PDB file of all heavy atoms in Angstrom:
ATOM      1  N   LEU A   1       2.794  -8.262 -11.442  1.00  0.00           N
ATOM      2  CA  LEU A   1       1.917  -7.830 -12.530  1.00  0.00           C
ATOM      3  C   LEU A   1       2.695  -6.938 -13.491  1.00  0.00           C
ATOM      4  O   LEU A   1       3.751  -6.398 -13.144  1.00  0.00           O
ATOM      5  CB  LEU A   1       0.720  -7.043 -11.975  1.00  0.00           C
ATOM      6  CG  LEU A   1      -0.132  -7.718 -10.896  1.00  0.00           C
ATOM      7  CD1 LEU A   1      -1.113  -6.711 -10.316  1.00  0.00           C
ATOM      8  CD2 LEU A   1      -0.871  -8.911 -11.468  1.00  0.00           C
ATOM      9  N   LYS A   2       2.157  -6.767 -14.681  1.00  0.00           N
ATOM     10  CA  LYS A   2       2.723  -5.771 -15.586  1.00  0.00           C
ATOM     11  C   LYS A   2       2.476  -4.387 -14.994  1.00  0.00           C
ATOM     12  O   LYS A   2       1.610  -4.210 -14.140  1.00  0.00           O
ATOM     13  CB  LYS A   2       2.077  -5.899 -16.968  1.00  0.00           C
ATOM     14  CG  LYS A   2       2.468  -7.173 -17.699  1.00  0.00           C
ATOM     15  CD  LYS A   2       1.839  -7.225 -19.088  1.00  0.00           C
ATOM     16  CE  LYS A   2       2.282  -8.493 -19.821  1.00  0.00           C
ATOM     17  NZ  LYS A   2       1.690  -8.572 -21.180  1.00  0.00           N
ATOM     18  N   PRO A   3       3.228  -3.366 -15.422  1.00  0.00           N
ATOM     19  CA  PRO A   3       3.059  -2.021 -14.826  1.00  0.00           C
ATOM     20  C   PRO A   3       1.617  -1.527 -14.915  1.00  0.00           C
ATOM     21  O   PRO A   3       1.037  -1.459 -15.999  1.00  0.00           O
ATOM     22  CB  PRO A   3       3.998  -1.152 -15.666  1.00  0.00           C
ATOM     23  CG  PRO A   3       5.046  -2.100 -16.157  1.00  0.00           C
ATOM     24  CD  PRO A   3       4.336  -3.401 -16.394  1.00  0.00           C
ATOM     25  N   VAL A   4       1.045  -1.207 -13.765  1.00  0.00           N
ATOM     26  CA  VAL A   4      -0.336  -0.716 -13.724  1.00  0.00           C
ATOM     27  C   VAL A   4      -0.445   0.592 -12.945  1.00  0.00           C
ATOM     28  O   VAL A   4      -1.389   1.354 -13.179  1.00  0.00           O
ATOM     29  CB  VAL A   4      -1.298  -1.758 -13.103  1.00  0.00           C
ATOM     30  CG1 VAL A   4      -1.430  -2.966 -14.004  1.00  0.00           C
ATOM     31  CG2 VAL A   4      -0.845  -2.188 -11.722  1.00  0.00           C
ATOM     32  N   LEU A   5       0.485   0.875 -12.039  1.00  0.00           N
ATOM     33  CA  LEU A   5       0.404   2.088 -11.229  1.00  0.00           C
ATOM     34  C   LEU A   5       1.454   3.094 -11.686  1.00  0.00           C
ATOM     35  O   LEU A   5       2.618   2.736 -11.888  1.00  0.00           O
ATOM     36  CB  LEU A   5       0.628   1.768  -9.749  1.00  0.00           C
ATOM     37  CG  LEU A   5      -0.352   0.809  -9.070  1.00  0.00           C
ATOM     38  CD1 LEU A   5      -0.035   0.708  -7.581  1.00  0.00           C
ATOM     39  CD2 LEU A   5      -1.790   1.251  -9.267  1.00  0.00           C
ATOM     40  N   PRO A   6       1.069   4.364 -11.823  1.00  0.00           N
ATOM     41  CA  PRO A   6       2.038   5.381 -12.239  1.00  0.00           C
ATOM     42  C   PRO A   6       2.974   5.818 -11.115  1.00  0.00           C
ATOM     43  O   PRO A   6       3.993   6.446 -11.354  1.00  0.00           O
ATOM     44  CB  PRO A   6       1.150   6.545 -12.680  1.00  0.00           C
ATOM     45  CG  PRO A   6      -0.085   6.395 -11.841  1.00  0.00           C
ATOM     46  CD  PRO A   6      -0.290   4.912 -11.681  1.00  0.00           C
ATOM     47  N   GLY A   7       2.625   5.514  -9.886  1.00  0.00           N
ATOM     48  CA  GLY A   7       3.422   5.917  -8.726  1.00  0.00           C
ATOM     49  C   GLY A   7       2.748   5.430  -7.457  1.00  0.00           C
ATOM     50  O   GLY A   7       2.072   4.401  -7.449  1.00  0.00           O
ATOM     51  N   VAL A   8       2.890   6.191  -6.385  1.00  0.00           N
ATOM     52  CA  VAL A   8       2.264   5.848  -5.108  1.00  0.00           C
ATOM     53  C   VAL A   8       0.898   6.529  -5.034  1.00  0.00           C
ATOM     54  O   VAL A   8       0.753   7.687  -5.424  1.00  0.00           O
ATOM     55  CB  VAL A   8       3.147   6.296  -3.928  1.00  0.00           C
ATOM     56  CG1 VAL A   8       2.516   5.895  -2.596  1.00  0.00           C
ATOM     57  CG2 VAL A   8       4.544   5.718  -4.050  1.00  0.00           C
ATOM     58  N   ILE A   9      -0.098   5.811  -4.526  1.00  0.00           N
ATOM     59  CA  ILE A   9      -1.445   6.358  -4.363  1.00  0.00           C
ATOM     60  C   ILE A   9      -1.890   6.108  -2.933  1.00  0.00           C
ATOM     61  O   ILE A   9      -1.698   5.009  -2.398  1.00  0.00           O
ATOM     62  CB  ILE A   9      -2.436   5.696  -5.343  1.00  0.00           C
ATOM     63  CG1 ILE A   9      -1.990   5.929  -6.785  1.00  0.00           C
ATOM     64  CG2 ILE A   9      -3.851   6.235  -5.130  1.00  0.00           C
ATOM     65  CD1 ILE A   9      -2.787   5.131  -7.803  1.00  0.00           C
ATOM     66  N   THR A  10      -2.478   7.130  -2.294  1.00  0.00           N
ATOM     67  CA  THR A  10      -3.013   6.958  -0.940  1.00  0.00           C
ATOM     68  C   THR A  10      -4.495   7.346  -0.922  1.00  0.00           C
ATOM     69  O   THR A  10      -4.937   8.237  -1.641  1.00  0.00           O
ATOM     70  CB  THR A  10      -2.255   7.810   0.096  1.00  0.00           C
ATOM     71  OG1 THR A  10      -2.621   9.193  -0.048  1.00  0.00           O
ATOM     72  CG2 THR A  10      -0.750   7.665  -0.068  1.00  0.00           C
ATOM     73  N   PHE A  11      -5.236   6.649  -0.075  1.00  0.00           N
ATOM     74  CA  PHE A  11      -6.682   6.810   0.081  1.00  0.00           C
ATOM     75  C   PHE A  11      -6.934   7.942   1.074  1.00  0.00           C
ATOM     76  O   PHE A  11      -6.387   7.938   2.169  1.00  0.00           O
ATOM     77  CB  PHE A  11      -7.243   5.480   0.576  1.00  0.00           C
ATOM     78  CG  PHE A  11      -8.744   5.404   0.679  1.00  0.00           C
ATOM     79  CD1 PHE A  11      -9.573   6.187  -0.099  1.00  0.00           C
ATOM     80  CD2 PHE A  11      -9.330   4.492   1.553  1.00  0.00           C
ATOM     81  CE1 PHE A  11     -10.946   6.081  -0.009  1.00  0.00           C
ATOM     82  CE2 PHE A  11     -10.703   4.374   1.647  1.00  0.00           C
ATOM     83  CZ  PHE A  11     -11.520   5.171   0.867  1.00  0.00           C
ATOM     84  N   GLY A  12      -7.793   8.889   0.699  1.00  0.00           N
ATOM     85  CA  GLY A  12      -8.037  10.028   1.570  1.00  0.00           C
ATOM     86  C   GLY A  12      -9.151   9.827   2.575  1.00  0.00           C
ATOM     87  O   GLY A  12      -9.238  10.557   3.564  1.00  0.00           O
ATOM     88  N   ALA A  13     -10.031   8.854   2.346  1.00  0.00           N
ATOM     89  CA  ALA A  13     -11.171   8.643   3.244  1.00  0.00           C
ATOM     90  C   ALA A  13     -10.941   7.498   4.215  1.00  0.00           C
ATOM     91  O   ALA A  13     -11.807   7.180   5.020  1.00  0.00           O
ATOM     92  CB  ALA A  13     -12.436   8.380   2.433  1.00  0.00           C
ATOM     93  N   GLY A  14      -9.808   6.873   4.140  1.00  0.00           N
ATOM     94  CA  GLY A  14      -9.419   5.800   5.058  1.00  0.00           C
ATOM     95  C   GLY A  14      -7.912   5.782   5.141  1.00  0.00           C
ATOM     96  O   GLY A  14      -7.268   6.783   4.864  1.00  0.00           O
ATOM     97  N   HIS A  15      -7.363   4.648   5.515  1.00  0.00           N
ATOM     98  CA  HIS A  15      -5.907   4.561   5.571  1.00  0.00           C
ATOM     99  C   HIS A  15      -5.471   3.413   4.668  1.00  0.00           C
ATOM    100  O   HIS A  15      -5.572   2.238   5.021  1.00  0.00           O
ATOM    101  CB  HIS A  15      -5.425   4.336   7.007  1.00  0.00           C
ATOM    102  CG  HIS A  15      -3.986   4.704   7.193  1.00  0.00           C
ATOM    103  ND1 HIS A  15      -3.384   4.814   8.413  1.00  0.00           N
ATOM    104  CD2 HIS A  15      -3.018   5.005   6.296  1.00  0.00           C
ATOM    105  CE1 HIS A  15      -2.115   5.150   8.265  1.00  0.00           C
ATOM    106  NE2 HIS A  15      -1.877   5.269   6.981  1.00  0.00           N
ATOM    107  N   PHE A  16      -4.994   3.774   3.482  1.00  0.00           N
ATOM    108  CA  PHE A  16      -4.547   2.792   2.502  1.00  0.00           C
ATOM    109  C   PHE A  16      -3.534   3.464   1.597  1.00  0.00           C
ATOM    110  O   PHE A  16      -3.726   4.604   1.164  1.00  0.00           O
ATOM    111  CB  PHE A  16      -5.732   2.282   1.678  1.00  0.00           C
ATOM    112  CG  PHE A  16      -5.341   1.305   0.588  1.00  0.00           C
ATOM    113  CD1 PHE A  16      -5.096  -0.029   0.874  1.00  0.00           C
ATOM    114  CD2 PHE A  16      -5.225   1.732  -0.731  1.00  0.00           C
ATOM    115  CE1 PHE A  16      -4.733  -0.918  -0.129  1.00  0.00           C
ATOM    116  CE2 PHE A  16      -4.871   0.851  -1.731  1.00  0.00           C
ATOM    117  CZ  PHE A  16      -4.629  -0.486  -1.430  1.00  0.00           C
ATOM    118  N   TYR A  17      -2.432   2.787   1.350  1.00  0.00           N
ATOM    119  CA  TYR A  17      -1.401   3.319   0.457  1.00  0.00           C
ATOM    120  C   TYR A  17      -0.862   2.166  -0.362  1.00  0.00           C
ATOM    121  O   TYR A  17      -0.741   1.037   0.102  1.00  0.00           O
ATOM    122  CB  TYR A  17      -0.274   4.000   1.254  1.00  0.00           C
ATOM    123  CG  TYR A  17       0.113   3.286   2.532  1.00  0.00           C
ATOM    124  CD1 TYR A  17       1.090   2.293   2.537  1.00  0.00           C
ATOM    125  CD2 TYR A  17      -0.523   3.589   3.729  1.00  0.00           C
ATOM    126  CE1 TYR A  17       1.437   1.636   3.707  1.00  0.00           C
ATOM    127  CE2 TYR A  17      -0.189   2.933   4.911  1.00  0.00           C
ATOM    128  CZ  TYR A  17       0.798   1.954   4.882  1.00  0.00           C
ATOM    129  OH  TYR A  17       1.131   1.288   6.039  1.00  0.00           O
ATOM    130  N   ILE A  18      -0.540   2.449  -1.626  1.00  0.00           N
ATOM    131  CA  ILE A  18      -0.148   1.375  -2.538  1.00  0.00           C
ATOM    132  C   ILE A  18       0.868   1.885  -3.546  1.00  0.00           C
ATOM    133  O   ILE A  18       0.824   3.041  -3.976  1.00  0.00           O
ATOM    134  CB  ILE A  18      -1.398   0.804  -3.258  1.00  0.00           C
ATOM    135  CG1 ILE A  18      -1.031  -0.434  -4.089  1.00  0.00           C
ATOM    136  CG2 ILE A  18      -2.091   1.861  -4.106  1.00  0.00           C
ATOM    137  CD1 ILE A  18      -2.238  -1.209  -4.581  1.00  0.00           C
ATOM    138  N   SER A  19       1.799   1.024  -3.899  1.00  0.00           N
ATOM    139  CA  SER A  19       2.770   1.303  -4.949  1.00  0.00           C
ATOM    140  C   SER A  19       3.051  -0.008  -5.665  1.00  0.00           C
ATOM    141  O   SER A  19       2.527  -1.064  -5.286  1.00  0.00           O
ATOM    142  CB  SER A  19       4.057   1.893  -4.364  1.00  0.00           C
ATOM    143  OG  SER A  19       4.690   0.946  -3.505  1.00  0.00           O
ATOM    144  N   GLN A  20       3.870   0.047  -6.696  1.00  0.00           N
ATOM    145  CA  GLN A  20       4.238  -1.161  -7.430  1.00  0.00           C
ATOM    146  C   GLN A  20       5.753  -1.299  -7.417  1.00  0.00           C
ATOM    147  O   GLN A  20       6.475  -0.355  -7.733  1.00  0.00           O
ATOM    148  CB  GLN A  20       3.714  -1.118  -8.869  1.00  0.00           C
ATOM    149  CG  GLN A  20       3.870  -2.449  -9.599  1.00  0.00           C
ATOM    150  CD  GLN A  20       3.052  -2.508 -10.877  1.00  0.00           C
ATOM    151  OE1 GLN A  20       2.561  -1.494 -11.363  1.00  0.00           O
ATOM    152  NE2 GLN A  20       2.890  -3.696 -11.438  1.00  0.00           N
ATOM    153  N   SER A  21       6.233  -2.478  -7.038  1.00  0.00           N
ATOM    154  CA  SER A  21       7.669  -2.693  -6.903  1.00  0.00           C
ATOM    155  C   SER A  21       8.310  -2.958  -8.259  1.00  0.00           C
ATOM    156  O   SER A  21       7.631  -3.138  -9.272  1.00  0.00           O
ATOM    157  CB  SER A  21       7.939  -3.875  -5.966  1.00  0.00           C
ATOM    158  OG  SER A  21       7.695  -5.106  -6.641  1.00  0.00           O
ATOM    159  N   ASP A  22       9.651  -3.004  -8.262  1.00  0.00           N
ATOM    160  CA  ASP A  22      10.380  -3.272  -9.496  1.00  0.00           C
ATOM    161  C   ASP A  22      10.097  -4.680 -10.025  1.00  0.00           C
ATOM    162  O   ASP A  22      10.260  -4.948 -11.217  1.00  0.00           O
ATOM    163  CB  ASP A  22      11.883  -3.103  -9.260  1.00  0.00           C
ATOM    164  CG  ASP A  22      12.399  -4.022  -8.164  1.00  0.00           C
ATOM    165  OD1 ASP A  22      12.132  -3.739  -6.981  1.00  0.00           O
ATOM    166  OD2 ASP A  22      13.056  -5.017  -8.469  1.00  0.00           O
ATOM    167  N   LYS A  23       9.656  -5.581  -9.145  1.00  0.00           N
ATOM    168  CA  LYS A  23       9.320  -6.948  -9.567  1.00  0.00           C
ATOM    169  C   LYS A  23       7.870  -7.079 -10.024  1.00  0.00           C
ATOM    170  O   LYS A  23       7.434  -8.168 -10.406  1.00  0.00           O
ATOM    171  CB  LYS A  23       9.582  -7.928  -8.423  1.00  0.00           C
ATOM    172  CG  LYS A  23      11.045  -8.015  -8.014  1.00  0.00           C
ATOM    173  CD  LYS A  23      11.236  -8.982  -6.859  1.00  0.00           C
ATOM    174  CE  LYS A  23      12.702  -9.041  -6.445  1.00  0.00           C
ATOM    175  NZ  LYS A  23      12.917  -9.942  -5.280  1.00  0.00           N
ATOM    176  N   GLY A  24       7.113  -5.999  -9.959  1.00  0.00           N
ATOM    177  CA  GLY A  24       5.736  -6.006 -10.438  1.00  0.00           C
ATOM    178  C   GLY A  24       4.680  -6.211  -9.378  1.00  0.00           C
ATOM    179  O   GLY A  24       3.489  -6.056  -9.651  1.00  0.00           O
ATOM    180  N   GLY A  25       5.077  -6.570  -8.164  1.00  0.00           N
ATOM    181  CA  GLY A  25       4.100  -6.783  -7.105  1.00  0.00           C
ATOM    182  C   GLY A  25       3.501  -5.474  -6.610  1.00  0.00           C
ATOM    183  O   GLY A  25       4.196  -4.458  -6.532  1.00  0.00           O
ATOM    184  N   LEU A  26       2.210  -5.497  -6.302  1.00  0.00           N
ATOM    185  CA  LEU A  26       1.570  -4.345  -5.668  1.00  0.00           C
ATOM    186  C   LEU A  26       1.893  -4.397  -4.176  1.00  0.00           C
ATOM    187  O   LEU A  26       1.576  -5.378  -3.502  1.00  0.00           O
ATOM    188  CB  LEU A  26       0.063  -4.374  -5.884  1.00  0.00           C
ATOM    189  CG  LEU A  26      -0.416  -4.371  -7.341  1.00  0.00           C
ATOM    190  CD1 LEU A  26      -1.940  -4.423  -7.395  1.00  0.00           C
ATOM    191  CD2 LEU A  26       0.108  -3.156  -8.089  1.00  0.00           C
ATOM    192  N   VAL A  27       2.537  -3.356  -3.670  1.00  0.00           N
ATOM    193  CA  VAL A  27       2.933  -3.285  -2.265  1.00  0.00           C
ATOM    194  C   VAL A  27       1.984  -2.310  -1.577  1.00  0.00           C
ATOM    195  O   VAL A  27       1.906  -1.142  -1.966  1.00  0.00           O
ATOM    196  CB  VAL A  27       4.398  -2.806  -2.124  1.00  0.00           C
ATOM    197  CG1 VAL A  27       4.837  -2.837  -0.662  1.00  0.00           C
ATOM    198  CG2 VAL A  27       5.325  -3.654  -2.987  1.00  0.00           C
ATOM    199  N   PHE A  28       1.261  -2.774  -0.561  1.00  0.00           N
ATOM    200  CA  PHE A  28       0.270  -1.891   0.046  1.00  0.00           C
ATOM    201  C   PHE A  28       0.146  -2.147   1.540  1.00  0.00           C
ATOM    202  O   PHE A  28       0.612  -3.163   2.071  1.00  0.00           O
ATOM    203  CB  PHE A  28      -1.092  -2.029  -0.652  1.00  0.00           C
ATOM    204  CG  PHE A  28      -1.656  -3.423  -0.698  1.00  0.00           C
ATOM    205  CD1 PHE A  28      -2.555  -3.855   0.260  1.00  0.00           C
ATOM    206  CD2 PHE A  28      -1.305  -4.290  -1.718  1.00  0.00           C
ATOM    207  CE1 PHE A  28      -3.092  -5.133   0.212  1.00  0.00           C
ATOM    208  CE2 PHE A  28      -1.849  -5.571  -1.779  1.00  0.00           C
ATOM    209  CZ  PHE A  28      -2.733  -5.997  -0.815  1.00  0.00           C
ATOM    210  N   GLY A  29      -0.483  -1.212   2.225  1.00  0.00           N
ATOM    211  CA  GLY A  29      -0.683  -1.310   3.664  1.00  0.00           C
ATOM    212  C   GLY A  29      -1.729  -0.323   4.110  1.00  0.00           C
ATOM    213  O   GLY A  29      -2.321   0.396   3.297  1.00  0.00           O
ATOM    214  N   GLY A  30      -1.958  -0.270   5.425  1.00  0.00           N
ATOM    215  CA  GLY A  30      -2.977   0.619   5.959  1.00  0.00           C
ATOM    216  C   GLY A  30      -2.755   0.881   7.431  1.00  0.00           C
ATOM    217  O   GLY A  30      -1.652   1.212   7.855  1.00  0.00           O
ATOM    218  N   ASP A  31      -3.802   0.690   8.225  1.00  0.00           N
ATOM    219  CA  ASP A  31      -3.729   0.985   9.648  1.00  0.00           C
ATOM    220  C   ASP A  31      -2.924  -0.069  10.408  1.00  0.00           C
ATOM    221  O   ASP A  31      -2.814  -1.221   9.987  1.00  0.00           O
ATOM    222  CB  ASP A  31      -5.129   1.047  10.251  1.00  0.00           C
ATOM    223  CG  ASP A  31      -5.756   2.420  10.066  1.00  0.00           C
ATOM    224  OD1 ASP A  31      -5.038   3.423  10.192  1.00  0.00           O
ATOM    225  OD2 ASP A  31      -6.971   2.482   9.779  1.00  0.00           O
ATOM    226  N   ILE A  32      -2.412   0.348  11.558  1.00  0.00           N
ATOM    227  CA  ILE A  32      -1.793  -0.592  12.485  1.00  0.00           C
ATOM    228  C   ILE A  32      -2.873  -1.456  13.135  1.00  0.00           C
ATOM    229  O   ILE A  32      -4.055  -1.097  13.146  1.00  0.00           O
ATOM    230  CB  ILE A  32      -1.012   0.148  13.591  1.00  0.00           C
ATOM    231  CG1 ILE A  32      -1.949   1.108  14.342  1.00  0.00           C
ATOM    232  CG2 ILE A  32       0.192   0.864  13.049  1.00  0.00           C
ATOM    233  CD1 ILE A  32      -1.325   1.763  15.553  1.00  0.00           C
ATOM    234  N   ASP A  33      -2.475  -2.602  13.668  1.00  0.00           N
ATOM    235  CA  ASP A  33      -3.366  -3.347  14.555  1.00  0.00           C
ATOM    236  C   ASP A  33      -3.455  -2.549  15.856  1.00  0.00           C
ATOM    237  O   ASP A  33      -2.426  -2.175  16.419  1.00  0.00           O
ATOM    238  CB  ASP A  33      -2.802  -4.744  14.801  1.00  0.00           C
ATOM    239  CG  ASP A  33      -2.916  -5.639  13.582  1.00  0.00           C
ATOM    240  OD1 ASP A  33      -2.361  -5.273  12.528  1.00  0.00           O
ATOM    241  OD2 ASP A  33      -3.548  -6.693  13.670  1.00  0.00           O
ATOM    242  N   GLY A  34      -4.632  -2.318  16.346  1.00  0.00           N
ATOM    243  CA  GLY A  34      -4.832  -1.318  17.389  1.00  0.00           C
ATOM    244  C   GLY A  34      -4.355  -1.665  18.776  1.00  0.00           C
ATOM    245  O   GLY A  34      -4.385  -0.824  19.675  1.00  0.00           O
ATOM    246  N   TYR A  35      -3.891  -2.897  18.982  1.00  0.00           N
ATOM    247  CA  TYR A  35      -3.489  -3.328  20.315  1.00  0.00           C
ATOM    248  C   TYR A  35      -1.963  -3.266  20.453  1.00  0.00           C
ATOM    249  O   TYR A  35      -1.231  -3.270  19.472  1.00  0.00           O
ATOM    250  CB  TYR A  35      -3.978  -4.759  20.569  1.00  0.00           C
ATOM    251  CG  TYR A  35      -3.525  -5.736  19.497  1.00  0.00           C
ATOM    252  CD1 TYR A  35      -2.317  -6.412  19.592  1.00  0.00           C
ATOM    253  CD2 TYR A  35      -4.312  -5.949  18.368  1.00  0.00           C
ATOM    254  CE1 TYR A  35      -1.900  -7.276  18.605  1.00  0.00           C
ATOM    255  CE2 TYR A  35      -3.899  -6.814  17.367  1.00  0.00           C
ATOM    256  CZ  TYR A  35      -2.691  -7.473  17.493  1.00  0.00           C
ATOM    257  OH  TYR A  35      -2.268  -8.315  16.492  1.00  0.00           O
ATOM    258  N   ASN A  36      -1.482  -3.223  21.700  1.00  0.00           N
ATOM    259  CA  ASN A  36      -0.036  -3.210  21.951  1.00  0.00           C
ATOM    260  C   ASN A  36       0.542  -4.609  21.795  1.00  0.00           C
ATOM    261  O   ASN A  36      -0.030  -5.587  22.296  1.00  0.00           O
ATOM    262  CB  ASN A  36       0.259  -2.704  23.364  1.00  0.00           C
ATOM    263  CG  ASN A  36      -0.285  -1.313  23.613  1.00  0.00           C
ATOM    264  OD1 ASN A  36      -0.942  -1.048  24.596  1.00  0.00           O
ATOM    265  ND2 ASN A  36      -0.017  -0.413  22.696  1.00  0.00           N
ATOM    266  N   THR A  37       1.668  -4.699  21.106  1.00  0.00           N
ATOM    267  CA  THR A  37       2.284  -6.005  20.888  1.00  0.00           C
ATOM    268  C   THR A  37       3.745  -5.839  20.491  1.00  0.00           C
ATOM    269  O   THR A  37       4.138  -4.796  19.967  1.00  0.00           O
ATOM    270  CB  THR A  37       1.543  -6.792  19.790  1.00  0.00           C
ATOM    271  OG1 THR A  37       2.178  -8.067  19.612  1.00  0.00           O
ATOM    272  CG2 THR A  37       1.582  -6.055  18.456  1.00  0.00           C
ATOM    273  N   TYR A  38       4.539  -6.877  20.754  1.00  0.00           N
ATOM    274  CA  TYR A  38       5.912  -6.952  20.247  1.00  0.00           C
ATOM    275  C   TYR A  38       6.037  -8.044  19.188  1.00  0.00           C
ATOM    276  O   TYR A  38       7.140  -8.371  18.752  1.00  0.00           O
ATOM    277  CB  TYR A  38       6.885  -7.245  21.392  1.00  0.00           C
ATOM    278  CG  TYR A  38       7.033  -6.104  22.377  1.00  0.00           C
ATOM    279  CD1 TYR A  38       6.671  -6.263  23.713  1.00  0.00           C
ATOM    280  CD2 TYR A  38       7.534  -4.872  21.981  1.00  0.00           C
ATOM    281  CE1 TYR A  38       6.807  -5.223  24.626  1.00  0.00           C
ATOM    282  CE2 TYR A  38       7.661  -3.825  22.876  1.00  0.00           C
ATOM    283  CZ  TYR A  38       7.307  -4.007  24.196  1.00  0.00           C
ATOM    284  OH  TYR A  38       7.442  -2.972  25.089  1.00  0.00           O
TER     285      TYR A  38
END
């Protein structure tokens, strides 16, 4: 996407964080999957 985010933003009432890469993609994530796994 064209530049839309000024920097990194995180959600205070849940677990969500987002930034925008040099290629324009929104890079985001949140909680882990709650089970044990490799």
